[in-house]
Amino acid sequence: GATQDTVEEAGEQARERAQEAFASLRTDAERLVDEIQTNNAP
């Protein structure tokens, strides 16, 4: 039971990290796409 809880907790932490990383990508994408469109910045 404790092992299963640990596995589920690790999975939940991975999901939370993925959600946080994607939220950060959304924010960065706004800025970077603006820069690409404004400056044709490779």
PDB file of all heavy atoms in Angstrom:
ATOM      1  N   GLY A   1       0.832  -1.207   0.000  1.00  0.00           N
ATOM      2  CA  GLY A   1       0.000   0.000   0.000  1.00  0.00           C
ATOM      3  C   GLY A   1       0.862   1.250   0.000  1.00  0.00           C
ATOM      4  O   GLY A   1       0.617   2.193  -0.741  1.00  0.00           O
ATOM      5  N   ALA A   2       1.916   1.245   0.834  1.00  0.00           N
ATOM      6  CA  ALA A   2       2.823   2.390   0.891  1.00  0.00           C
ATOM      7  C   ALA A   2       3.584   2.524  -0.420  1.00  0.00           C
ATOM      8  O   ALA A   2       3.806   3.633  -0.909  1.00  0.00           O
ATOM      9  CB  ALA A   2       3.790   2.240   2.059  1.00  0.00           C
ATOM     10  N   THR A   3       3.965   1.410  -1.015  1.00  0.00           N
ATOM     11  CA  THR A   3       4.667   1.444  -2.301  1.00  0.00           C
ATOM     12  C   THR A   3       3.762   2.035  -3.368  1.00  0.00           C
ATOM     13  O   THR A   3       4.183   2.890  -4.147  1.00  0.00           O
ATOM     14  CB  THR A   3       5.120   0.026  -2.706  1.00  0.00           C
ATOM     15  OG1 THR A   3       5.959  -0.498  -1.681  1.00  0.00           O
ATOM     16  CG2 THR A   3       5.873   0.048  -4.014  1.00  0.00           C
ATOM     17  N   GLN A   4       2.509   1.617  -3.392  1.00  0.00           N
ATOM     18  CA  GLN A   4       1.551   2.149  -4.360  1.00  0.00           C
ATOM     19  C   GLN A   4       1.353   3.646  -4.154  1.00  0.00           C
ATOM     20  O   GLN A   4       1.300   4.406  -5.115  1.00  0.00           O
ATOM     21  CB  GLN A   4       0.215   1.408  -4.265  1.00  0.00           C
ATOM     22  CG  GLN A   4      -0.801   1.833  -5.298  1.00  0.00           C
ATOM     23  CD  GLN A   4      -0.368   1.539  -6.726  1.00  0.00           C
ATOM     24  OE1 GLN A   4       0.331   0.567  -6.984  1.00  0.00           O
ATOM     25  NE2 GLN A   4      -0.763   2.392  -7.640  1.00  0.00           N
ATOM     26  N   ASP A   5       1.264   4.061  -2.890  1.00  0.00           N
ATOM     27  CA  ASP A   5       1.113   5.491  -2.590  1.00  0.00           C
ATOM     28  C   ASP A   5       2.312   6.276  -3.120  1.00  0.00           C
ATOM     29  O   ASP A   5       2.152   7.361  -3.677  1.00  0.00           O
ATOM     30  CB  ASP A   5       0.984   5.724  -1.076  1.00  0.00           C
ATOM     31  CG  ASP A   5      -0.364   5.264  -0.543  1.00  0.00           C
ATOM     32  OD1 ASP A   5      -1.271   4.977  -1.356  1.00  0.00           O
ATOM     33  OD2 ASP A   5      -0.503   5.179   0.692  1.00  0.00           O
ATOM     34  N   THR A   6       3.499   5.720  -2.953  1.00  0.00           N
ATOM     35  CA  THR A   6       4.720   6.377  -3.428  1.00  0.00           C
ATOM     36  C   THR A   6       4.700   6.499  -4.944  1.00  0.00           C
ATOM     37  O   THR A   6       5.037   7.552  -5.497  1.00  0.00           O
ATOM     38  CB  THR A   6       5.972   5.594  -2.967  1.00  0.00           C
ATOM     39  OG1 THR A   6       5.944   5.497  -1.545  1.00  0.00           O
ATOM     40  CG2 THR A   6       7.236   6.276  -3.418  1.00  0.00           C
ATOM     41  N   VAL A   7       4.281   5.445  -5.635  1.00  0.00           N
ATOM     42  CA  VAL A   7       4.206   5.470  -7.098  1.00  0.00           C
ATOM     43  C   VAL A   7       3.189   6.513  -7.547  1.00  0.00           C
ATOM     44  O   VAL A   7       3.449   7.303  -8.460  1.00  0.00           O
ATOM     45  CB  VAL A   7       3.844   4.071  -7.649  1.00  0.00           C
ATOM     46  CG1 VAL A   7       3.473   4.130  -9.112  1.00  0.00           C
ATOM     47  CG2 VAL A   7       4.986   3.099  -7.411  1.00  0.00           C
ATOM     48  N   GLU A   8       2.025   6.529  -6.890  1.00  0.00           N
ATOM     49  CA  GLU A   8       0.991   7.505  -7.262  1.00  0.00           C
ATOM     50  C   GLU A   8       1.456   8.930  -6.985  1.00  0.00           C
ATOM     51  O   GLU A   8       1.215   9.840  -7.773  1.00  0.00           O
ATOM     52  CB  GLU A   8      -0.303   7.213  -6.514  1.00  0.00           C
ATOM     53  CG  GLU A   8      -1.001   5.962  -7.029  1.00  0.00           C
ATOM     54  CD  GLU A   8      -2.214   5.579  -6.212  1.00  0.00           C
ATOM     55  OE1 GLU A   8      -2.644   6.369  -5.340  1.00  0.00           O
ATOM     56  OE2 GLU A   8      -2.744   4.478  -6.435  1.00  0.00           O
ATOM     57  N   GLU A   9       2.162   9.119  -5.861  1.00  0.00           N
ATOM     58  CA  GLU A   9       2.671  10.444  -5.513  1.00  0.00           C
ATOM     59  C   GLU A   9       3.707  10.904  -6.545  1.00  0.00           C
ATOM     60  O   GLU A   9       3.693  12.056  -6.980  1.00  0.00           O
ATOM     61  CB  GLU A   9       3.292  10.399  -4.114  1.00  0.00           C
ATOM     62  CG  GLU A   9       3.639  11.760  -3.567  1.00  0.00           C
ATOM     63  CD  GLU A   9       4.115  11.671  -2.125  1.00  0.00           C
ATOM     64  OE1 GLU A   9       3.349  11.182  -1.272  1.00  0.00           O
ATOM     65  OE2 GLU A   9       5.252  12.091  -1.880  1.00  0.00           O
ATOM     66  N   ALA A  10       4.574   9.999  -6.957  1.00  0.00           N
ATOM     67  CA  ALA A  10       5.577  10.333  -7.972  1.00  0.00           C
ATOM     68  C   ALA A  10       4.894  10.696  -9.288  1.00  0.00           C
ATOM     69  O   ALA A  10       5.294  11.649  -9.972  1.00  0.00           O
ATOM     70  CB  ALA A  10       6.546   9.177  -8.180  1.00  0.00           C
ATOM     71  N   GLY A  11       3.855   9.965  -9.655  1.00  0.00           N
ATOM     72  CA  GLY A  11       3.104  10.264 -10.865  1.00  0.00           C
ATOM     73  C   GLY A  11       2.433  11.622 -10.782  1.00  0.00           C
ATOM     74  O   GLY A  11       2.433  12.389 -11.747  1.00  0.00           O
ATOM     75  N   GLU A  12       1.875  11.918  -9.620  1.00  0.00           N
ATOM     76  CA  GLU A  12       1.220  13.212  -9.417  1.00  0.00           C
ATOM     77  C   GLU A  12       2.244  14.346  -9.502  1.00  0.00           C
ATOM     78  O   GLU A  12       1.988  15.389 -10.113  1.00  0.00           O
ATOM     79  CB  GLU A  12       0.497  13.238  -8.064  1.00  0.00           C
ATOM     80  CG  GLU A  12      -0.257  14.522  -7.790  1.00  0.00           C
ATOM     81  CD  GLU A  12      -1.343  14.829  -8.807  1.00  0.00           C
ATOM     82  OE1 GLU A  12      -1.959  13.903  -9.349  1.00  0.00           O
ATOM     83  OE2 GLU A  12      -1.567  16.029  -9.056  1.00  0.00           O
ATOM     84  N   GLN A  13       3.407  14.135  -8.924  1.00  0.00           N
ATOM     85  CA  GLN A  13       4.460  15.156  -8.994  1.00  0.00           C
ATOM     86  C   GLN A  13       4.904  15.376 -10.434  1.00  0.00           C
ATOM     87  O   GLN A  13       5.131  16.511 -10.854  1.00  0.00           O
ATOM     88  CB  GLN A  13       5.656  14.761  -8.123  1.00  0.00           C
ATOM     89  CG  GLN A  13       5.376  14.895  -6.642  1.00  0.00           C
ATOM     90  CD  GLN A  13       6.513  14.359  -5.787  1.00  0.00           C
ATOM     91  OE1 GLN A  13       7.404  13.676  -6.279  1.00  0.00           O
ATOM     92  NE2 GLN A  13       6.483  14.672  -4.509  1.00  0.00           N
ATOM     93  N   ALA A  14       5.014  14.304 -11.201  1.00  0.00           N
ATOM     94  CA  ALA A  14       5.398  14.424 -12.613  1.00  0.00           C
ATOM     95  C   ALA A  14       4.336  15.205 -13.377  1.00  0.00           C
ATOM     96  O   ALA A  14       4.656  16.064 -14.212  1.00  0.00           O
ATOM     97  CB  ALA A  14       5.602  13.040 -13.230  1.00  0.00           C
ATOM     98  N   ARG A  15       3.048  14.936 -13.090  1.00  0.00           N
ATOM     99  CA  ARG A  15       1.964  15.669 -13.755  1.00  0.00           C
ATOM    100  C   ARG A  15       2.004  17.152 -13.392  1.00  0.00           C
ATOM    101  O   ARG A  15       1.836  18.015 -14.252  1.00  0.00           O
ATOM    102  CB  ARG A  15       0.598  15.076 -13.394  1.00  0.00           C
ATOM    103  CG  ARG A  15       0.264  13.820 -14.203  1.00  0.00           C
ATOM    104  CD  ARG A  15      -1.154  13.354 -13.957  1.00  0.00           C
ATOM    105  NE  ARG A  15      -1.385  12.871 -12.599  1.00  0.00           N
ATOM    106  CZ  ARG A  15      -1.018  11.672 -12.154  1.00  0.00           C
ATOM    107  NH1 ARG A  15      -0.412  10.825 -12.951  1.00  0.00           N
ATOM    108  NH2 ARG A  15      -1.269  11.308 -10.918  1.00  0.00           N
ATOM    109  N   GLU A  16       2.239  17.437 -12.110  1.00  0.00           N
ATOM    110  CA  GLU A  16       2.305  18.838 -11.673  1.00  0.00           C
ATOM    111  C   GLU A  16       3.476  19.561 -12.338  1.00  0.00           C
ATOM    112  O   GLU A  16       3.331  20.699 -12.791  1.00  0.00           O
ATOM    113  CB  GLU A  16       2.423  18.919 -10.149  1.00  0.00           C
ATOM    114  CG  GLU A  16       1.128  18.608  -9.429  1.00  0.00           C
ATOM    115  CD  GLU A  16       1.293  18.562  -7.922  1.00  0.00           C
ATOM    116  OE1 GLU A  16       2.347  18.987  -7.403  1.00  0.00           O
ATOM    117  OE2 GLU A  16       0.352  18.102  -7.245  1.00  0.00           O
ATOM    118  N   ARG A  17       4.632  18.893 -12.420  1.00  0.00           N
ATOM    119  CA  ARG A  17       5.792  19.502 -13.084  1.00  0.00           C
ATOM    120  C   ARG A  17       5.497  19.748 -14.556  1.00  0.00           C
ATOM    121  O   ARG A  17       5.873  20.776 -15.113  1.00  0.00           O
ATOM    122  CB  ARG A  17       7.035  18.617 -12.929  1.00  0.00           C
ATOM    123  CG  ARG A  17       7.696  18.722 -11.569  1.00  0.00           C
ATOM    124  CD  ARG A  17       9.074  18.096 -11.564  1.00  0.00           C
ATOM    125  NE  ARG A  17       9.079  16.708 -11.979  1.00  0.00           N
ATOM    126  CZ  ARG A  17       8.885  15.671 -11.179  1.00  0.00           C
ATOM    127  NH1 ARG A  17       8.655  15.866  -9.898  1.00  0.00           N
ATOM    128  NH2 ARG A  17       8.912  14.439 -11.651  1.00  0.00           N
ATOM    129  N   ALA A  18       4.809  18.811 -15.189  1.00  0.00           N
ATOM    130  CA  ALA A  18       4.460  18.962 -16.606  1.00  0.00           C
ATOM    131  C   ALA A  18       3.497  20.135 -16.792  1.00  0.00           C
ATOM    132  O   ALA A  18       3.659  20.931 -17.722  1.00  0.00           O
ATOM    133  CB  ALA A  18       3.845  17.669 -17.139  1.00  0.00           C
ATOM    134  N   GLN A  19       2.514  20.259 -15.909  1.00  0.00           N
ATOM    135  CA  GLN A  19       1.561  21.365 -16.010  1.00  0.00           C
ATOM    136  C   GLN A  19       2.256  22.707 -15.806  1.00  0.00           C
ATOM    137  O   GLN A  19       2.002  23.671 -16.535  1.00  0.00           O
ATOM    138  CB  GLN A  19       0.428  21.198 -14.988  1.00  0.00           C
ATOM    139  CG  GLN A  19      -0.516  20.076 -15.350  1.00  0.00           C
ATOM    140  CD  GLN A  19      -1.492  19.736 -14.233  1.00  0.00           C
ATOM    141  OE1 GLN A  19      -1.231  19.988 -13.068  1.00  0.00           O
ATOM    142  NE2 GLN A  19      -2.615  19.147 -14.602  1.00  0.00           N
ATOM    143  N   GLU A  20       3.154  22.764 -14.827  1.00  0.00           N
ATOM    144  CA  GLU A  20       3.902  24.001 -14.573  1.00  0.00           C
ATOM    145  C   GLU A  20       4.799  24.343 -15.756  1.00  0.00           C
ATOM    146  O   GLU A  20       4.896  25.502 -16.162  1.00  0.00           O
ATOM    147  CB  GLU A  20       4.735  23.864 -13.295  1.00  0.00           C
ATOM    148  CG  GLU A  20       3.904  23.847 -12.032  1.00  0.00           C
ATOM    149  CD  GLU A  20       4.692  23.402 -10.810  1.00  0.00           C
ATOM    150  OE1 GLU A  20       5.924  23.211 -10.902  1.00  0.00           O
ATOM    151  OE2 GLU A  20       4.061  23.239  -9.752  1.00  0.00           O
ATOM    152  N   ALA A  21       5.458  23.338 -16.312  1.00  0.00           N
ATOM    153  CA  ALA A  21       6.331  23.569 -17.460  1.00  0.00           C
ATOM    154  C   ALA A  21       5.530  24.060 -18.652  1.00  0.00           C
ATOM    155  O   ALA A  21       5.958  24.970 -19.372  1.00  0.00           O
ATOM    156  CB  ALA A  21       7.091  22.284 -17.813  1.00  0.00           C
ATOM    157  N   PHE A  22       4.346  23.492 -18.855  1.00  0.00           N
ATOM    158  CA  PHE A  22       3.537  23.924 -19.984  1.00  0.00           C
ATOM    159  C   PHE A  22       3.022  25.346 -19.767  1.00  0.00           C
ATOM    160  O   PHE A  22       2.979  26.143 -20.709  1.00  0.00           O
ATOM    161  CB  PHE A  22       2.376  22.967 -20.259  1.00  0.00           C
ATOM    162  CG  PHE A  22       1.750  23.262 -21.579  1.00  0.00           C
ATOM    163  CD1 PHE A  22       2.350  22.835 -22.750  1.00  0.00           C
ATOM    164  CD2 PHE A  22       0.605  24.030 -21.666  1.00  0.00           C
ATOM    165  CE1 PHE A  22       1.818  23.157 -23.988  1.00  0.00           C
ATOM    166  CE2 PHE A  22       0.062  24.349 -22.900  1.00  0.00           C
ATOM    167  CZ  PHE A  22       0.668  23.914 -24.064  1.00  0.00           C
ATOM    168  N   ALA A  23       2.632  25.685 -18.543  1.00  0.00           N
ATOM    169  CA  ALA A  23       2.193  27.057 -18.252  1.00  0.00           C
ATOM    170  C   ALA A  23       3.317  28.037 -18.546  1.00  0.00           C
ATOM    171  O   ALA A  23       3.093  29.111 -19.121  1.00  0.00           O
ATOM    172  CB  ALA A  23       1.740  27.164 -16.796  1.00  0.00           C
ATOM    173  N   SER A  24       4.528  27.663 -18.204  1.00  0.00           N
ATOM    174  CA  SER A  24       5.696  28.494 -18.492  1.00  0.00           C
ATOM    175  C   SER A  24       5.917  28.616 -19.998  1.00  0.00           C
ATOM    176  O   SER A  24       6.237  29.696 -20.510  1.00  0.00           O
ATOM    177  CB  SER A  24       6.928  27.889 -17.806  1.00  0.00           C
ATOM    178  OG  SER A  24       8.078  28.599 -18.162  1.00  0.00           O
ATOM    179  N   LEU A  25       5.724  27.518 -20.727  1.00  0.00           N
ATOM    180  CA  LEU A  25       5.863  27.554 -22.186  1.00  0.00           C
ATOM    181  C   LEU A  25       4.841  28.513 -22.790  1.00  0.00           C
ATOM    182  O   LEU A  25       5.174  29.290 -23.685  1.00  0.00           O
ATOM    183  CB  LEU A  25       5.687  26.157 -22.786  1.00  0.00           C
ATOM    184  CG  LEU A  25       5.631  26.105 -24.328  1.00  0.00           C
ATOM    185  CD1 LEU A  25       6.956  26.570 -24.924  1.00  0.00           C
ATOM    186  CD2 LEU A  25       5.277  24.713 -24.805  1.00  0.00           C
ATOM    187  N   ARG A  26       3.606  28.467 -22.296  1.00  0.00           N
ATOM    188  CA  ARG A  26       2.577  29.389 -22.807  1.00  0.00           C
ATOM    189  C   ARG A  26       3.036  30.835 -22.678  1.00  0.00           C
ATOM    190  O   ARG A  26       2.912  31.624 -23.608  1.00  0.00           O
ATOM    191  CB  ARG A  26       1.279  29.220 -22.013  1.00  0.00           C
ATOM    192  CG  ARG A  26       0.370  28.207 -22.566  1.00  0.00           C
ATOM    193  CD  ARG A  26      -1.028  28.375 -21.957  1.00  0.00           C
ATOM    194  NE  ARG A  26      -1.868  27.351 -22.511  1.00  0.00           N
ATOM    195  CZ  ARG A  26      -2.469  26.414 -21.811  1.00  0.00           C
ATOM    196  NH1 ARG A  26      -2.354  26.390 -20.510  1.00  0.00           N
ATOM    197  NH2 ARG A  26      -3.205  25.509 -22.406  1.00  0.00           N
ATOM    198  N   THR A  27       3.549  31.183 -21.498  1.00  0.00           N
ATOM    199  CA  THR A  27       4.015  32.542 -21.249  1.00  0.00           C
ATOM    200  C   THR A  27       5.185  32.889 -22.164  1.00  0.00           C
ATOM    201  O   THR A  27       5.200  33.950 -22.799  1.00  0.00           O
ATOM    202  CB  THR A  27       4.438  32.695 -19.773  1.00  0.00           C
ATOM    203  OG1 THR A  27       3.321  32.355 -18.947  1.00  0.00           O
ATOM    204  CG2 THR A  27       4.878  34.104 -19.462  1.00  0.00           C
ATOM    205  N   ASP A  28       6.157  31.999 -22.225  1.00  0.00           N
ATOM    206  CA  ASP A  28       7.327  32.225 -23.082  1.00  0.00           C
ATOM    207  C   ASP A  28       6.925  32.308 -24.549  1.00  0.00           C
ATOM    208  O   ASP A  28       7.495  33.099 -25.312  1.00  0.00           O
ATOM    209  CB  ASP A  28       8.361  31.110 -22.909  1.00  0.00           C
ATOM    210  CG  ASP A  28       9.060  31.162 -21.564  1.00  0.00           C
ATOM    211  OD1 ASP A  28       8.938  32.183 -20.858  1.00  0.00           O
ATOM    212  OD2 ASP A  28       9.721  30.166 -21.218  1.00  0.00           O
ATOM    213  N   ALA A  29       5.964  31.498 -24.961  1.00  0.00           N
ATOM    214  CA  ALA A  29       5.543  31.473 -26.364  1.00  0.00           C
ATOM    215  C   ALA A  29       4.980  32.827 -26.784  1.00  0.00           C
ATOM    216  O   ALA A  29       5.254  33.291 -27.896  1.00  0.00           O
ATOM    217  CB  ALA A  29       4.518  30.369 -26.597  1.00  0.00           C
ATOM    218  N   GLU A  30       4.218  33.450 -25.913  1.00  0.00           N
ATOM    219  CA  GLU A  30       3.674  34.769 -26.241  1.00  0.00           C
ATOM    220  C   GLU A  30       4.808  35.735 -26.571  1.00  0.00           C
ATOM    221  O   GLU A  30       4.798  36.403 -27.599  1.00  0.00           O
ATOM    222  CB  GLU A  30       2.845  35.325 -25.068  1.00  0.00           C
ATOM    223  CG  GLU A  30       1.514  34.651 -24.880  1.00  0.00           C
ATOM    224  CD  GLU A  30       0.565  34.889 -26.048  1.00  0.00           C
ATOM    225  OE1 GLU A  30       0.529  36.003 -26.604  1.00  0.00           O
ATOM    226  OE2 GLU A  30      -0.152  33.939 -26.413  1.00  0.00           O
ATOM    227  N   ARG A  31       5.774  35.784 -25.701  1.00  0.00           N
ATOM    228  CA  ARG A  31       6.905  36.703 -25.876  1.00  0.00           C
ATOM    229  C   ARG A  31       7.743  36.322 -27.096  1.00  0.00           C
ATOM    230  O   ARG A  31       8.093  37.185 -27.922  1.00  0.00           O
ATOM    231  CB  ARG A  31       7.769  36.685 -24.604  1.00  0.00           C
ATOM    232  CG  ARG A  31       9.023  37.528 -24.676  1.00  0.00           C
ATOM    233  CD  ARG A  31       9.821  37.450 -23.376  1.00  0.00           C
ATOM    234  NE  ARG A  31      10.172  36.093 -22.975  1.00  0.00           N
ATOM    235  CZ  ARG A  31      11.181  35.393 -23.497  1.00  0.00           C
ATOM    236  NH1 ARG A  31      11.922  35.899 -24.450  1.00  0.00           N
ATOM    237  NH2 ARG A  31      11.446  34.176 -23.062  1.00  0.00           N
ATOM    238  N   LEU A  32       8.060  35.049 -27.232  1.00  0.00           N
ATOM    239  CA  LEU A  32       8.936  34.611 -28.320  1.00  0.00           C
ATOM    240  C   LEU A  32       8.262  34.721 -29.685  1.00  0.00           C
ATOM    241  O   LEU A  32       8.904  35.117 -30.659  1.00  0.00           O
ATOM    242  CB  LEU A  32       9.424  33.186 -28.053  1.00  0.00           C
ATOM    243  CG  LEU A  32      10.402  33.055 -26.875  1.00  0.00           C
ATOM    244  CD1 LEU A  32      10.586  31.594 -26.495  1.00  0.00           C
ATOM    245  CD2 LEU A  32      11.730  33.711 -27.196  1.00  0.00           C
ATOM    246  N   VAL A  33       6.983  34.388 -29.771  1.00  0.00           N
ATOM    247  CA  VAL A  33       6.280  34.524 -31.049  1.00  0.00           C
ATOM    248  C   VAL A  33       6.210  36.001 -31.446  1.00  0.00           C
ATOM    249  O   VAL A  33       6.407  36.346 -32.613  1.00  0.00           O
ATOM    250  CB  VAL A  33       4.883  33.865 -31.015  1.00  0.00           C
ATOM    251  CG1 VAL A  33       4.059  34.252 -32.239  1.00  0.00           C
ATOM    252  CG2 VAL A  33       5.018  32.346 -30.931  1.00  0.00           C
ATOM    253  N   ASP A  34       5.964  36.872 -30.468  1.00  0.00           N
ATOM    254  CA  ASP A  34       5.988  38.311 -30.767  1.00  0.00           C
ATOM    255  C   ASP A  34       7.345  38.721 -31.331  1.00  0.00           C
ATOM    256  O   ASP A  34       7.428  39.466 -32.306  1.00  0.00           O
ATOM    257  CB  ASP A  34       5.691  39.139 -29.515  1.00  0.00           C
ATOM    258  CG  ASP A  34       4.213  39.175 -29.172  1.00  0.00           C
ATOM    259  OD1 ASP A  34       3.387  38.808 -30.038  1.00  0.00           O
ATOM    260  OD2 ASP A  34       3.886  39.569 -28.042  1.00  0.00           O
ATOM    261  N   GLU A  35       8.406  38.229 -30.708  1.00  0.00           N
ATOM    262  CA  GLU A  35       9.762  38.555 -31.159  1.00  0.00           C
ATOM    263  C   GLU A  35      10.029  38.003 -32.571  1.00  0.00           C
ATOM    264  O   GLU A  35      10.610  38.670 -33.408  1.00  0.00           O
ATOM    265  CB  GLU A  35      10.778  38.000 -30.164  1.00  0.00           C
ATOM    266  CG  GLU A  35      12.175  38.519 -30.383  1.00  0.00           C
ATOM    267  CD  GLU A  35      13.132  38.082 -29.296  1.00  0.00           C
ATOM    268  OE1 GLU A  35      12.717  37.941 -28.128  1.00  0.00           O
ATOM    269  OE2 GLU A  35      14.310  37.875 -29.633  1.00  0.00           O
ATOM    270  N   ILE A  36       9.558  36.788 -32.814  1.00  0.00           N
ATOM    271  CA  ILE A  36       9.728  36.180 -34.141  1.00  0.00           C
ATOM    272  C   ILE A  36       9.000  37.029 -35.188  1.00  0.00           C
ATOM    273  O   ILE A  36       9.554  37.350 -36.236  1.00  0.00           O
ATOM    274  CB  ILE A  36       9.192  34.723 -34.153  1.00  0.00           C
ATOM    275  CG1 ILE A  36      10.081  33.824 -33.296  1.00  0.00           C
ATOM    276  CG2 ILE A  36       9.115  34.193 -35.584  1.00  0.00           C
ATOM    277  CD1 ILE A  36       9.457  32.474 -32.950  1.00  0.00           C
ATOM    278  N   GLN A  37       7.758  37.400 -34.879  1.00  0.00           N
ATOM    279  CA  GLN A  37       6.957  38.155 -35.848  1.00  0.00           C
ATOM    280  C   GLN A  37       7.484  39.579 -36.049  1.00  0.00           C
ATOM    281  O   GLN A  37       7.454  40.098 -37.155  1.00  0.00           O
ATOM    282  CB  GLN A  37       5.495  38.202 -35.402  1.00  0.00           C
ATOM    283  CG  GLN A  37       4.819  36.857 -35.509  1.00  0.00           C
ATOM    284  CD  GLN A  37       3.389  36.889 -35.018  1.00  0.00           C
ATOM    285  OE1 GLN A  37       3.101  37.424 -33.955  1.00  0.00           O
ATOM    286  NE2 GLN A  37       2.490  36.311 -35.789  1.00  0.00           N
ATOM    287  N   THR A  38       7.969  40.183 -34.991  1.00  0.00           N
ATOM    288  CA  THR A  38       8.435  41.561 -35.073  1.00  0.00           C
ATOM    289  C   THR A  38       9.806  41.664 -35.723  1.00  0.00           C
ATOM    290  O   THR A  38      10.058  42.541 -36.546  1.00  0.00           O
ATOM    291  CB  THR A  38       8.502  42.183 -33.657  1.00  0.00           C
ATOM    292  OG1 THR A  38       7.220  42.052 -33.054  1.00  0.00           O
ATOM    293  CG2 THR A  38       8.894  43.635 -33.710  1.00  0.00           C
ATOM    294  N   ASN A  39      10.693  40.754 -35.354  1.00  0.00           N
ATOM    295  CA  ASN A  39      12.090  40.870 -35.775  1.00  0.00           C
ATOM    296  C   ASN A  39      12.564  39.752 -36.701  1.00  0.00           C
ATOM    297  O   ASN A  39      13.752  39.699 -37.012  1.00  0.00           O
ATOM    298  CB  ASN A  39      13.001  40.884 -34.534  1.00  0.00           C
ATOM    299  CG  ASN A  39      12.647  41.987 -33.571  1.00  0.00           C
ATOM    300  OD1 ASN A  39      12.319  43.086 -33.987  1.00  0.00           O
ATOM    301  ND2 ASN A  39      12.699  41.689 -32.280  1.00  0.00           N
ATOM    302  N   ASN A  40      11.652  38.838 -37.085  1.00  0.00           N
ATOM    303  CA  ASN A  40      12.068  37.653 -37.857  1.00  0.00           C
ATOM    304  C   ASN A  40      13.300  37.010 -37.202  1.00  0.00           C
ATOM    305  O   ASN A  40      14.308  36.766 -37.862  1.00  0.00           O
ATOM    306  CB  ASN A  40      12.380  38.021 -39.312  1.00  0.00           C
ATOM    307  CG  ASN A  40      11.155  38.486 -40.059  1.00  0.00           C
ATOM    308  OD1 ASN A  40      10.040  38.181 -39.672  1.00  0.00           O
ATOM    309  ND2 ASN A  40      11.368  39.219 -41.126  1.00  0.00           N
ATOM    310  N   ALA A  41      13.192  36.795 -35.893  1.00  0.00           N
ATOM    311  CA  ALA A  41      14.342  36.407 -35.075  1.00  0.00           C
ATOM    312  C   ALA A  41      14.548  34.897 -35.018  1.00  0.00           C
ATOM    313  O   ALA A  41      13.810  34.203 -34.324  1.00  0.00           O
ATOM    314  CB  ALA A  41      14.167  36.961 -33.664  1.00  0.00           C
ATOM    315  N   PRO A  42      15.561  34.391 -35.737  1.00  0.00           N
ATOM    316  CA  PRO A  42      15.839  32.949 -35.690  1.00  0.00           C
ATOM    317  C   PRO A  42      16.185  32.463 -34.280  1.00  0.00           C
ATOM    318  O   PRO A  42      15.835  31.341 -33.913  1.00  0.00           O
ATOM    319  CB  PRO A  42      17.035  32.764 -36.626  1.00  0.00           C
ATOM    320  CG  PRO A  42      17.121  34.009 -37.428  1.00  0.00           C
ATOM    321  CD  PRO A  42      16.458  35.091 -36.647  1.00  0.00           C
TER     322      PRO A  42
END
